[in-house]
Amino acid sequence: MQIENTAELRLLVECARRGSLSAASREMQLSPAAASAMLKRMEARLGVRLMERSTRALRLTAAGEQLRDYAQRALELLEEGLAQVSEAPLSLKGKAAQRLRGRIRLSASSDLTRQWLLPLLQDFMARHPAVELHLSVSDSLQDIYKDEIDVALRYGQLPDSSLVARRLALVRRHIVASPDYLKRAGMPRTPEDLARHDCITFRIRNRHERAWRLRPTETPEAEPQSYPVQGRLSTDDGEIAHRWALQGQGLIYKSELDVRRALLEGQLVRVLPGWLGDELPLHAVMPSQRFLPQRVRALVDHLVEGFAALPAPRAPRARRRSGPA
């Protein structure tokens, strides 16, 4: 056994979290000298350097970051197990023995959160009053390991093979606009018409979306084509784009799940229903299932059930393609 006690693991986690050995030692009520000696002993036994230290800063090495990820989850699992044992005797069965507690760090996009996620989270938290939720809402992709995210809700395929995921939904992007905008600017008849409309576009990580991908409904297997778009408004926040569309500011190209309620209520109208946008899976993404706390598993199960129960989208009426109006 190369780790003598959990205090060593906690010291590593606290050093990474606080950025200094002195701050970590204060959190653990150790002297800086004792904390430094503990770290040196751990590095000596492992035969690897875990941190680069200077007079001003502390930085984890690659080995330190890898061990930190495992240490953090191991400590959380241990805390969860001790809490359940202390609260429920071995002879006790039922709900008390399955009480969930601890912190869940969840990341999701803005529009998805406000449209559908908040009610699901409210229900989950009501069922599990000992769980603490830290919700991060952003349309920029966070680093699951660096930002210590337990679950991230993401559209698209997973580029990182070290991540695990469960699919929540399979959705397609639609072009939509408000009835007021379409009354004022006219209904696009072909994808080429998009270039003459005000299109609300996205900027994510310095990448500005300047084209929308579409394929004909009658040939869904065809390769999608990119059609240039332009407009006066762009944003890195999906909810802002949604609001602008509701206000009649232009067309948006959004996940059907994000605009489903507005479509059902008639606040937004499907544009170019004879054309299909990109189809994207929505996943609950986690760093690993090896050290996955039960509270995280329970939340993901709850989200899978919740998204499956969402109201079905309204099927659009097919239109024949025609020339520009």
C-alpha atoms as a PDB file:
ATOM      1  CA  MET A   1       0.000   0.000   0.000  1.00  0.00           C
ATOM      2  CA  GLN A   2       1.711   3.190  -1.136  1.00  0.00           C
ATOM      3  CA  ILE A   3      -0.768   5.640   0.441  1.00  0.00           C
ATOM      4  CA  GLU A   4      -0.577   5.524   4.247  1.00  0.00           C
ATOM      5  CA  ASN A   5      -3.844   7.295   5.065  1.00  0.00           C
ATOM      6  CA  THR A   6      -6.630   9.392   3.616  1.00  0.00           C
ATOM      7  CA  ALA A   7      -5.020  12.578   4.975  1.00  0.00           C
ATOM      8  CA  GLU A   8      -2.388  12.288   2.239  1.00  0.00           C
ATOM      9  CA  LEU A   9      -5.059  12.105  -0.426  1.00  0.00           C
ATOM     10  CA  ARG A  10      -6.934  15.016   1.089  1.00  0.00           C
ATOM     11  CA  LEU A  11      -3.744  17.096   1.209  1.00  0.00           C
ATOM     12  CA  LEU A  12      -3.222  16.503  -2.506  1.00  0.00           C
ATOM     13  CA  VAL A  13      -6.815  17.511  -3.281  1.00  0.00           C
ATOM     14  CA  GLU A  14      -6.679  20.622  -1.087  1.00  0.00           C
ATOM     15  CA  CYS A  15      -3.356  21.737  -2.568  1.00  0.00           C
ATOM     16  CA  ALA A  16      -4.803  21.469  -6.062  1.00  0.00           C
ATOM     17  CA  ARG A  17      -8.011  23.261  -5.048  1.00  0.00           C
ATOM     18  CA  ARG A  18      -6.354  26.145  -3.161  1.00  0.00           C
ATOM     19  CA  GLY A  19      -3.184  26.565  -5.177  1.00  0.00           C
ATOM     20  CA  SER A  20      -0.792  26.626  -2.239  1.00  0.00           C
ATOM     21  CA  LEU A  21       0.554  24.294   0.405  1.00  0.00           C
ATOM     22  CA  SER A  22       0.065  26.830   3.194  1.00  0.00           C
ATOM     23  CA  ALA A  23      -3.632  27.318   2.370  1.00  0.00           C
ATOM     24  CA  ALA A  24      -4.137  23.555   2.215  1.00  0.00           C
ATOM     25  CA  SER A  25      -2.390  23.066   5.561  1.00  0.00           C
ATOM     26  CA  ARG A  26      -4.611  25.712   7.198  1.00  0.00           C
ATOM     27  CA  GLU A  27      -7.727  23.970   5.857  1.00  0.00           C
ATOM     28  CA  MET A  28      -6.525  20.663   7.311  1.00  0.00           C
ATOM     29  CA  GLN A  29      -5.342  22.287  10.572  1.00  0.00           C
ATOM     30  CA  LEU A  30      -1.737  21.237   9.984  1.00  0.00           C
ATOM     31  CA  SER A  31       1.447  23.252  10.263  1.00  0.00           C
ATOM     32  CA  PRO A  32       3.069  24.101   6.915  1.00  0.00           C
ATOM     33  CA  ALA A  33       6.084  22.016   7.943  1.00  0.00           C
ATOM     34  CA  ALA A  34       3.924  18.964   8.695  1.00  0.00           C
ATOM     35  CA  ALA A  35       2.046  19.324   5.418  1.00  0.00           C
ATOM     36  CA  SER A  36       5.291  19.662   3.460  1.00  0.00           C
ATOM     37  CA  ALA A  37       6.746  16.575   5.151  1.00  0.00           C
ATOM     38  CA  MET A  38       3.603  14.574   4.412  1.00  0.00           C
ATOM     39  CA  LEU A  39       3.762  15.527   0.745  1.00  0.00           C
ATOM     40  CA  LYS A  40       7.454  14.635   0.487  1.00  0.00           C
ATOM     41  CA  ARG A  41       6.875  11.216   2.081  1.00  0.00           C
ATOM     42  CA  MET A  42       4.040  10.481  -0.346  1.00  0.00           C
ATOM     43  CA  GLU A  43       6.183  11.460  -3.347  1.00  0.00           C
ATOM     44  CA  ALA A  44       9.078   9.343  -2.072  1.00  0.00           C
ATOM     45  CA  ARG A  45       6.934   6.228  -1.681  1.00  0.00           C
ATOM     46  CA  LEU A  46       5.287   6.687  -5.086  1.00  0.00           C
ATOM     47  CA  GLY A  47       8.595   7.482  -6.750  1.00  0.00           C
ATOM     48  CA  VAL A  48       7.105  10.372  -8.690  1.00  0.00           C
ATOM     49  CA  ARG A  49       6.879  14.130  -8.286  1.00  0.00           C
ATOM     50  CA  LEU A  50       3.288  15.261  -7.693  1.00  0.00           C
ATOM     51  CA  MET A  51       3.750  19.039  -7.506  1.00  0.00           C
ATOM     52  CA  GLU A  52       6.028  21.770  -8.766  1.00  0.00           C
ATOM     53  CA  ARG A  53       6.563  24.260  -5.957  1.00  0.00           C
ATOM     54  CA  SER A  54       7.943  27.788  -6.003  1.00  0.00           C
ATOM     55  CA  THR A  55       7.895  30.733  -3.591  1.00  0.00           C
ATOM     56  CA  ARG A  56       4.753  32.101  -5.272  1.00  0.00           C
ATOM     57  CA  ALA A  57       2.754  29.208  -6.658  1.00  0.00           C
ATOM     58  CA  LEU A  58       2.099  25.494  -6.607  1.00  0.00           C
ATOM     59  CA  ARG A  59       1.256  23.477  -9.688  1.00  0.00           C
ATOM     60  CA  LEU A  60       0.355  19.816 -10.053  1.00  0.00           C
ATOM     61  CA  THR A  61       2.444  17.705 -12.391  1.00  0.00           C
ATOM     62  CA  ALA A  62       0.729  15.411 -14.900  1.00  0.00           C
ATOM     63  CA  ALA A  63       1.067  12.555 -12.384  1.00  0.00           C
ATOM     64  CA  GLY A  64      -0.310  14.782  -9.648  1.00  0.00           C
ATOM     65  CA  GLU A  65      -3.348  15.733 -11.709  1.00  0.00           C
ATOM     66  CA  GLN A  66      -4.054  12.089 -12.505  1.00  0.00           C
ATOM     67  CA  LEU A  67      -3.809  11.039  -8.876  1.00  0.00           C
ATOM     68  CA  ARG A  68      -5.853  14.068  -7.766  1.00  0.00           C
ATOM     69  CA  ASP A  69      -8.791  13.003  -9.969  1.00  0.00           C
ATOM     70  CA  TYR A  70      -8.850   9.524  -8.427  1.00  0.00           C
ATOM     71  CA  ALA A  71      -8.179  10.798  -4.898  1.00  0.00           C
ATOM     72  CA  GLN A  72     -11.035  13.268  -4.993  1.00  0.00           C
ATOM     73  CA  ARG A  73     -13.567  10.693  -6.088  1.00  0.00           C
ATOM     74  CA  ALA A  74     -12.239   8.097  -3.661  1.00  0.00           C
ATOM     75  CA  LEU A  75     -12.639  10.545  -0.775  1.00  0.00           C
ATOM     76  CA  GLU A  76     -16.159  11.405  -1.876  1.00  0.00           C
ATOM     77  CA  LEU A  77     -17.120   7.739  -2.060  1.00  0.00           C
ATOM     78  CA  LEU A  78     -15.626   7.118   1.376  1.00  0.00           C
ATOM     79  CA  GLU A  79     -17.517  10.085   2.817  1.00  0.00           C
ATOM     80  CA  GLU A  80     -20.738   8.829   1.250  1.00  0.00           C
ATOM     81  CA  GLY A  81     -20.246   5.314   2.606  1.00  0.00           C
ATOM     82  CA  LEU A  82     -19.416   6.493   6.128  1.00  0.00           C
ATOM     83  CA  ALA A  83     -22.453   8.772   6.152  1.00  0.00           C
ATOM     84  CA  GLN A  84     -24.788   5.972   5.093  1.00  0.00           C
ATOM     85  CA  VAL A  85     -23.356   3.536   7.654  1.00  0.00           C
ATOM     86  CA  SER A  86     -23.573   6.073  10.492  1.00  0.00           C
ATOM     87  CA  GLU A  87     -27.151   7.030   9.626  1.00  0.00           C
ATOM     88  CA  ALA A  88     -28.483   3.518   8.988  1.00  0.00           C
ATOM     89  CA  PRO A  89     -27.638   0.435  11.109  1.00  0.00           C
ATOM     90  CA  LEU A  90     -26.838  -2.738   9.187  1.00  0.00           C
ATOM     91  CA  SER A  91     -30.143  -4.255  10.277  1.00  0.00           C
ATOM     92  CA  LEU A  92     -32.104  -1.315   8.877  1.00  0.00           C
ATOM     93  CA  LYS A  93     -33.450  -1.682   5.363  1.00  0.00           C
ATOM     94  CA  GLY A  94     -35.509   0.569   3.164  1.00  0.00           C
ATOM     95  CA  LYS A  95     -35.362   4.295   2.432  1.00  0.00           C
ATOM     96  CA  ALA A  96     -33.201   5.253   5.388  1.00  0.00           C
ATOM     97  CA  ALA A  97     -30.473   2.840   4.279  1.00  0.00           C
ATOM     98  CA  GLN A  98     -30.515   4.359   0.791  1.00  0.00           C
ATOM     99  CA  ARG A  99     -30.324   8.002   1.902  1.00  0.00           C
ATOM    100  CA  LEU A 100     -28.187  10.011  -0.518  1.00  0.00           C
ATOM    101  CA  ARG A 101     -25.969  12.825   0.636  1.00  0.00           C
ATOM    102  CA  GLY A 102     -23.019  14.877  -0.582  1.00  0.00           C
ATOM    103  CA  ARG A 103     -22.288  17.373  -3.336  1.00  0.00           C
ATOM    104  CA  ILE A 104     -23.042  17.089  -7.046  1.00  0.00           C
ATOM    105  CA  ARG A 105     -21.396  19.501  -9.491  1.00  0.00           C
ATOM    106  CA  LEU A 106     -23.549  19.781 -12.619  1.00  0.00           C
ATOM    107  CA  SER A 107     -22.880  21.767 -15.793  1.00  0.00           C
ATOM    108  CA  ALA A 108     -25.445  22.505 -18.524  1.00  0.00           C
ATOM    109  CA  SER A 109     -26.225  24.998 -21.279  1.00  0.00           C
ATOM    110  CA  SER A 110     -28.342  28.049 -20.514  1.00  0.00           C
ATOM    111  CA  ASP A 111     -31.438  27.457 -22.653  1.00  0.00           C
ATOM    112  CA  LEU A 112     -31.679  23.750 -21.815  1.00  0.00           C
ATOM    113  CA  THR A 113     -31.376  24.536 -18.115  1.00  0.00           C
ATOM    114  CA  ARG A 114     -34.137  27.117 -18.026  1.00  0.00           C
ATOM    115  CA  GLN A 115     -36.450  25.316 -20.439  1.00  0.00           C
ATOM    116  CA  TRP A 116     -36.399  21.793 -18.979  1.00  0.00           C
ATOM    117  CA  LEU A 117     -33.653  21.084 -16.461  1.00  0.00           C
ATOM    118  CA  LEU A 118     -34.685  23.301 -13.526  1.00  0.00           C
ATOM    119  CA  PRO A 119     -37.988  21.490 -12.828  1.00  0.00           C
ATOM    120  CA  LEU A 120     -36.227  18.106 -12.980  1.00  0.00           C
ATOM    121  CA  LEU A 121     -33.563  19.297 -10.546  1.00  0.00           C
ATOM    122  CA  GLN A 122     -36.178  20.727  -8.206  1.00  0.00           C
ATOM    123  CA  ASP A 123     -37.916  17.357  -8.070  1.00  0.00           C
ATOM    124  CA  PHE A 124     -34.638  15.502  -7.486  1.00  0.00           C
ATOM    125  CA  MET A 125     -33.580  17.832  -4.664  1.00  0.00           C
ATOM    126  CA  ALA A 126     -36.984  17.477  -2.992  1.00  0.00           C
ATOM    127  CA  ARG A 127     -36.564  13.684  -3.002  1.00  0.00           C
ATOM    128  CA  HIS A 128     -33.005  13.862  -1.617  1.00  0.00           C
ATOM    129  CA  PRO A 129     -32.773  16.658   0.968  1.00  0.00           C
ATOM    130  CA  ALA A 130     -29.240  15.695   2.059  1.00  0.00           C
ATOM    131  CA  VAL A 131     -27.789  16.252  -1.440  1.00  0.00           C
ATOM    132  CA  GLU A 132     -26.034  19.543  -2.210  1.00  0.00           C
ATOM    133  CA  LEU A 133     -26.175  20.779  -5.825  1.00  0.00           C
ATOM    134  CA  HIS A 134     -23.668  23.116  -7.462  1.00  0.00           C
ATOM    135  CA  LEU A 135     -25.070  24.116 -10.879  1.00  0.00           C
ATOM    136  CA  SER A 136     -22.902  25.807 -13.489  1.00  0.00           C
ATOM    137  CA  VAL A 137     -24.820  27.302 -16.437  1.00  0.00           C
ATOM    138  CA  SER A 138     -22.779  28.127 -19.522  1.00  0.00           C
ATOM    139  CA  ASP A 139     -22.839  27.528 -23.264  1.00  0.00           C
ATOM    140  CA  SER A 140     -19.039  27.217 -23.275  1.00  0.00           C
ATOM    141  CA  LEU A 141     -17.691  23.707 -22.744  1.00  0.00           C
ATOM    142  CA  GLN A 142     -16.082  23.301 -19.344  1.00  0.00           C
ATOM    143  CA  ASP A 143     -13.173  20.988 -18.649  1.00  0.00           C
ATOM    144  CA  ILE A 144     -14.793  18.195 -16.657  1.00  0.00           C
ATOM    145  CA  TYR A 145     -11.561  17.209 -14.928  1.00  0.00           C
ATOM    146  CA  LYS A 146     -10.059  20.652 -14.340  1.00  0.00           C
ATOM    147  CA  ASP A 147     -13.349  22.227 -13.225  1.00  0.00           C
ATOM    148  CA  GLU A 148     -14.235  19.184 -11.081  1.00  0.00           C
ATOM    149  CA  ILE A 149     -17.575  18.567 -12.818  1.00  0.00           C
ATOM    150  CA  ASP A 150     -19.475  15.415 -11.828  1.00  0.00           C
ATOM    151  CA  VAL A 151     -22.026  15.556 -14.660  1.00  0.00           C
ATOM    152  CA  ALA A 152     -22.160  17.761 -17.762  1.00  0.00           C
ATOM    153  CA  LEU A 153     -25.102  17.879 -20.155  1.00  0.00           C
ATOM    154  CA  ARG A 154     -23.701  18.187 -23.677  1.00  0.00           C
ATOM    155  CA  TYR A 155     -24.937  18.033 -27.236  1.00  0.00           C
ATOM    156  CA  GLY A 156     -22.986  16.152 -29.887  1.00  0.00           C
ATOM    157  CA  GLN A 157     -20.540  13.263 -30.044  1.00  0.00           C
ATOM    158  CA  LEU A 158     -17.913  12.743 -27.359  1.00  0.00           C
ATOM    159  CA  PRO A 159     -14.373  13.537 -28.540  1.00  0.00           C
ATOM    160  CA  ASP A 160     -12.745  12.415 -25.270  1.00  0.00           C
ATOM    161  CA  SER A 161     -12.635   8.617 -24.922  1.00  0.00           C
ATOM    162  CA  SER A 162     -11.880   8.924 -21.187  1.00  0.00           C
ATOM    163  CA  LEU A 163     -15.407  10.226 -20.592  1.00  0.00           C
ATOM    164  CA  VAL A 164     -18.475   8.066 -20.133  1.00  0.00           C
ATOM    165  CA  ALA A 165     -21.987   9.107 -21.027  1.00  0.00           C
ATOM    166  CA  ARG A 166     -25.655   8.205 -21.015  1.00  0.00           C
ATOM    167  CA  ARG A 167     -27.922   9.479 -23.751  1.00  0.00           C
ATOM    168  CA  LEU A 168     -30.796  11.656 -22.590  1.00  0.00           C
ATOM    169  CA  ALA A 169     -32.319  12.532 -25.946  1.00  0.00           C
ATOM    170  CA  LEU A 170     -31.692  12.628 -29.699  1.00  0.00           C
ATOM    171  CA  VAL A 171     -32.693  15.991 -31.096  1.00  0.00           C
ATOM    172  CA  ARG A 172     -32.433  17.874 -34.358  1.00  0.00           C
ATOM    173  CA  ARG A 173     -31.640  21.524 -34.892  1.00  0.00           C
ATOM    174  CA  HIS A 174     -34.446  23.599 -36.412  1.00  0.00           C
ATOM    175  CA  ILE A 175     -34.600  27.040 -37.943  1.00  0.00           C
ATOM    176  CA  VAL A 176     -37.345  28.985 -36.185  1.00  0.00           C
ATOM    177  CA  ALA A 177     -38.636  32.543 -35.948  1.00  0.00           C
ATOM    178  CA  SER A 178     -41.496  34.460 -34.379  1.00  0.00           C
ATOM    179  CA  PRO A 179     -44.729  35.047 -36.356  1.00  0.00           C
ATOM    180  CA  ASP A 180     -44.101  38.807 -36.098  1.00  0.00           C
ATOM    181  CA  TYR A 181     -40.711  38.526 -37.755  1.00  0.00           C
ATOM    182  CA  LEU A 182     -42.023  36.313 -40.548  1.00  0.00           C
ATOM    183  CA  LYS A 183     -44.935  38.680 -41.154  1.00  0.00           C
ATOM    184  CA  ARG A 184     -42.485  41.547 -41.469  1.00  0.00           C
ATOM    185  CA  ALA A 185     -39.639  39.855 -43.360  1.00  0.00           C
ATOM    186  CA  GLY A 186     -41.436  37.053 -45.191  1.00  0.00           C
ATOM    187  CA  MET A 187     -41.089  33.285 -44.975  1.00  0.00           C
ATOM    188  CA  PRO A 188     -37.880  31.828 -46.484  1.00  0.00           C
ATOM    189  CA  ARG A 189     -38.753  29.335 -49.246  1.00  0.00           C
ATOM    190  CA  THR A 190     -35.310  27.848 -49.890  1.00  0.00           C
ATOM    191  CA  PRO A 191     -32.087  27.652 -47.881  1.00  0.00           C
ATOM    192  CA  GLU A 192     -30.562  30.234 -50.239  1.00  0.00           C
ATOM    193  CA  ASP A 193     -33.125  32.742 -48.930  1.00  0.00           C
ATOM    194  CA  LEU A 194     -31.435  32.646 -45.523  1.00  0.00           C
ATOM    195  CA  ALA A 195     -28.702  34.974 -46.788  1.00  0.00           C
ATOM    196  CA  ARG A 196     -31.316  37.728 -47.165  1.00  0.00           C
ATOM    197  CA  HIS A 197     -32.654  37.404 -43.605  1.00  0.00           C
ATOM    198  CA  ASP A 198     -31.538  38.554 -40.177  1.00  0.00           C
ATOM    199  CA  CYS A 199     -30.023  35.405 -38.685  1.00  0.00           C
ATOM    200  CA  ILE A 200     -29.087  35.325 -34.998  1.00  0.00           C
ATOM    201  CA  THR A 201     -25.784  33.462 -34.792  1.00  0.00           C
ATOM    202  CA  PHE A 202     -23.592  31.965 -32.078  1.00  0.00           C
ATOM    203  CA  ARG A 203     -20.009  32.591 -31.003  1.00  0.00           C
ATOM    204  CA  ILE A 204     -18.521  29.735 -28.986  1.00  0.00           C
ATOM    205  CA  ARG A 205     -14.833  29.755 -27.991  1.00  0.00           C
ATOM    206  CA  ASN A 206     -13.948  32.384 -30.609  1.00  0.00           C
ATOM    207  CA  ARG A 207     -15.722  30.369 -33.325  1.00  0.00           C
ATOM    208  CA  HIS A 208     -18.409  32.402 -35.058  1.00  0.00           C
ATOM    209  CA  GLU A 209     -21.148  30.373 -36.719  1.00  0.00           C
ATOM    210  CA  ARG A 210     -21.500  31.732 -40.255  1.00  0.00           C
ATOM    211  CA  ALA A 211     -23.346  28.863 -41.978  1.00  0.00           C
ATOM    212  CA  TRP A 212     -26.238  26.529 -41.163  1.00  0.00           C
ATOM    213  CA  ARG A 213     -26.206  22.897 -42.292  1.00  0.00           C
ATOM    214  CA  LEU A 214     -29.338  21.454 -43.921  1.00  0.00           C
ATOM    215  CA  ARG A 215     -30.430  18.497 -46.045  1.00  0.00           C
ATOM    216  CA  PRO A 216     -33.757  17.853 -47.841  1.00  0.00           C
ATOM    217  CA  THR A 217     -36.416  16.001 -45.852  1.00  0.00           C
ATOM    218  CA  GLU A 218     -37.092  13.594 -48.725  1.00  0.00           C
ATOM    219  CA  THR A 219     -33.428  12.498 -48.787  1.00  0.00           C
ATOM    220  CA  PRO A 220     -32.379  12.365 -45.121  1.00  0.00           C
ATOM    221  CA  GLU A 221     -29.380  10.196 -45.974  1.00  0.00           C
ATOM    222  CA  ALA A 222     -27.909  12.921 -48.193  1.00  0.00           C
ATOM    223  CA  GLU A 223     -24.828  14.813 -47.115  1.00  0.00           C
ATOM    224  CA  PRO A 224     -25.853  18.124 -45.474  1.00  0.00           C
ATOM    225  CA  GLN A 225     -24.962  21.342 -47.240  1.00  0.00           C
ATOM    226  CA  SER A 226     -23.812  24.538 -45.549  1.00  0.00           C
ATOM    227  CA  TYR A 227     -25.743  27.702 -46.310  1.00  0.00           C
ATOM    228  CA  PRO A 228     -24.244  31.109 -45.416  1.00  0.00           C
ATOM    229  CA  VAL A 229     -26.091  33.288 -42.923  1.00  0.00           C
ATOM    230  CA  GLN A 230     -25.598  36.780 -41.606  1.00  0.00           C
ATOM    231  CA  GLY A 231     -27.267  39.175 -39.221  1.00  0.00           C
ATOM    232  CA  ARG A 232     -26.796  42.045 -36.830  1.00  0.00           C
ATOM    233  CA  LEU A 233     -27.048  39.928 -33.677  1.00  0.00           C
ATOM    234  CA  SER A 234     -24.732  37.233 -32.363  1.00  0.00           C
ATOM    235  CA  THR A 235     -24.172  35.852 -28.865  1.00  0.00           C
ATOM    236  CA  ASP A 236     -22.463  33.108 -26.868  1.00  0.00           C
ATOM    237  CA  ASP A 237     -25.608  32.527 -24.782  1.00  0.00           C
ATOM    238  CA  GLY A 238     -28.357  30.279 -26.138  1.00  0.00           C
ATOM    239  CA  GLU A 239     -31.062  31.769 -23.953  1.00  0.00           C
ATOM    240  CA  ILE A 240     -30.291  35.286 -25.199  1.00  0.00           C
ATOM    241  CA  ALA A 241     -30.606  34.075 -28.791  1.00  0.00           C
ATOM    242  CA  HIS A 242     -33.918  32.453 -27.866  1.00  0.00           C
ATOM    243  CA  ARG A 243     -35.215  35.692 -26.342  1.00  0.00           C
ATOM    244  CA  TRP A 244     -34.179  37.708 -29.379  1.00  0.00           C
ATOM    245  CA  ALA A 245     -36.086  35.316 -31.612  1.00  0.00           C
ATOM    246  CA  LEU A 246     -39.193  35.614 -29.417  1.00  0.00           C
ATOM    247  CA  GLN A 247     -38.894  39.399 -29.717  1.00  0.00           C
ATOM    248  CA  GLY A 248     -38.945  39.153 -33.509  1.00  0.00           C
ATOM    249  CA  GLN A 249     -35.283  40.028 -34.031  1.00  0.00           C
ATOM    250  CA  GLY A 250     -34.558  37.268 -36.553  1.00  0.00           C
ATOM    251  CA  LEU A 251     -34.137  33.562 -37.309  1.00  0.00           C
ATOM    252  CA  ILE A 252     -32.304  31.146 -35.011  1.00  0.00           C
ATOM    253  CA  TYR A 253     -30.899  27.667 -35.626  1.00  0.00           C
ATOM    254  CA  LYS A 254     -31.426  25.820 -32.352  1.00  0.00           C
ATOM    255  CA  SER A 255     -31.870  22.384 -30.864  1.00  0.00           C
ATOM    256  CA  GLU A 256     -35.509  21.354 -31.173  1.00  0.00           C
ATOM    257  CA  LEU A 257     -35.468  20.571 -27.468  1.00  0.00           C
ATOM    258  CA  ASP A 258     -34.550  24.178 -26.663  1.00  0.00           C
ATOM    259  CA  VAL A 259     -37.419  25.627 -28.715  1.00  0.00           C
ATOM    260  CA  ARG A 260     -40.007  22.841 -28.275  1.00  0.00           C
ATOM    261  CA  ARG A 261     -42.157  24.699 -25.736  1.00  0.00           C
ATOM    262  CA  ALA A 262     -42.205  27.880 -27.842  1.00  0.00           C
ATOM    263  CA  LEU A 263     -43.187  25.843 -30.914  1.00  0.00           C
ATOM    264  CA  LEU A 264     -45.989  24.065 -29.039  1.00  0.00           C
ATOM    265  CA  GLU A 265     -47.305  27.397 -27.758  1.00  0.00           C
ATOM    266  CA  GLY A 266     -47.052  29.106 -31.156  1.00  0.00           C
ATOM    267  CA  GLN A 267     -44.512  31.691 -29.993  1.00  0.00           C
ATOM    268  CA  LEU A 268     -42.071  30.440 -32.620  1.00  0.00           C
ATOM    269  CA  VAL A 269     -42.706  28.914 -36.047  1.00  0.00           C
ATOM    270  CA  ARG A 270     -40.668  26.279 -37.866  1.00  0.00           C
ATOM    271  CA  VAL A 271     -38.960  27.696 -40.962  1.00  0.00           C
ATOM    272  CA  LEU A 272     -38.044  25.556 -43.982  1.00  0.00           C
ATOM    273  CA  PRO A 273     -39.882  22.440 -42.686  1.00  0.00           C
ATOM    274  CA  GLY A 274     -38.904  20.623 -45.888  1.00  0.00           C
ATOM    275  CA  TRP A 275     -35.287  20.710 -44.748  1.00  0.00           C
ATOM    276  CA  LEU A 276     -33.550  18.862 -41.896  1.00  0.00           C
ATOM    277  CA  GLY A 277     -30.960  20.383 -39.611  1.00  0.00           C
ATOM    278  CA  ASP A 278     -28.148  18.536 -37.856  1.00  0.00           C
ATOM    279  CA  GLU A 279     -29.209  15.703 -35.534  1.00  0.00           C
ATOM    280  CA  LEU A 280     -27.442  15.799 -32.179  1.00  0.00           C
ATOM    281  CA  PRO A 281     -27.487  13.435 -29.197  1.00  0.00           C
ATOM    282  CA  LEU A 282     -27.814  14.995 -25.754  1.00  0.00           C
ATOM    283  CA  HIS A 283     -25.655  13.173 -23.214  1.00  0.00           C
ATOM    284  CA  ALA A 284     -25.098  13.233 -19.486  1.00  0.00           C
ATOM    285  CA  VAL A 285     -21.289  13.123 -19.494  1.00  0.00           C
ATOM    286  CA  MET A 286     -19.219  11.931 -16.522  1.00  0.00           C
ATOM    287  CA  PRO A 287     -15.468  11.588 -15.990  1.00  0.00           C
ATOM    288  CA  SER A 288     -15.587   7.909 -15.004  1.00  0.00           C
ATOM    289  CA  GLN A 289     -17.893   5.192 -13.757  1.00  0.00           C
ATOM    290  CA  ARG A 290     -15.164   3.547 -11.708  1.00  0.00           C
ATOM    291  CA  PHE A 291     -15.538   5.996  -8.801  1.00  0.00           C
ATOM    292  CA  LEU A 292     -19.037   7.292  -9.501  1.00  0.00           C
ATOM    293  CA  PRO A 293     -20.912   8.176  -6.279  1.00  0.00           C
ATOM    294  CA  GLN A 294     -24.395   6.767  -5.877  1.00  0.00           C
ATOM    295  CA  ARG A 295     -25.869  10.276  -5.703  1.00  0.00           C
ATOM    296  CA  VAL A 296     -24.496  11.013  -9.182  1.00  0.00           C
ATOM    297  CA  ARG A 297     -25.869   7.752 -10.562  1.00  0.00           C
ATOM    298  CA  ALA A 298     -29.244   8.587  -9.020  1.00  0.00           C
ATOM    299  CA  LEU A 299     -29.291  12.056 -10.604  1.00  0.00           C
ATOM    300  CA  VAL A 300     -28.451  10.688 -14.055  1.00  0.00           C
ATOM    301  CA  ASP A 301     -31.174   8.029 -13.720  1.00  0.00           C
ATOM    302  CA  HIS A 302     -33.605  10.795 -12.776  1.00  0.00           C
ATOM    303  CA  LEU A 303     -32.606  12.880 -15.817  1.00  0.00           C
ATOM    304  CA  VAL A 304     -32.972   9.913 -18.174  1.00  0.00           C
ATOM    305  CA  GLU A 305     -36.527   9.356 -16.925  1.00  0.00           C
ATOM    306  CA  GLY A 306     -37.319  13.059 -16.942  1.00  0.00           C
ATOM    307  CA  PHE A 307     -36.205  13.751 -20.501  1.00  0.00           C
ATOM    308  CA  ALA A 308     -38.047  10.659 -21.727  1.00  0.00           C
ATOM    309  CA  ALA A 309     -41.261  12.099 -20.256  1.00  0.00           C
ATOM    310  CA  LEU A 310     -40.991  15.530 -21.913  1.00  0.00           C
ATOM    311  CA  PRO A 311     -43.857  16.498 -24.261  1.00  0.00           C
ATOM    312  CA  ALA A 312     -43.356  15.219 -27.786  1.00  0.00           C
ATOM    313  CA  PRO A 313     -42.475  17.717 -30.530  1.00  0.00           C
ATOM    314  CA  ARG A 314     -45.143  18.739 -32.993  1.00  0.00           C
ATOM    315  CA  ALA A 315     -44.638  17.151 -36.417  1.00  0.00           C
ATOM    316  CA  PRO A 316     -44.203  19.887 -39.071  1.00  0.00           C
ATOM    317  CA  ARG A 317     -46.264  19.946 -42.209  1.00  0.00           C
ATOM    318  CA  ALA A 318     -44.136  18.987 -45.192  1.00  0.00           C
ATOM    319  CA  ARG A 319     -43.719  21.653 -47.861  1.00  0.00           C
ATOM    320  CA  ARG A 320     -42.509  21.350 -51.381  1.00  0.00           C
ATOM    321  CA  ARG A 321     -39.383  23.197 -52.288  1.00  0.00           C
ATOM    322  CA  SER A 322     -39.940  26.100 -54.576  1.00  0.00           C
ATOM    323  CA  GLY A 323     -38.030  28.995 -55.985  1.00  0.00           C
ATOM    324  CA  PRO A 324     -37.389  32.273 -54.134  1.00  0.00           C
ATOM    325  CA  ALA A 325     -40.531  34.212 -53.277  1.00  0.00           C
END
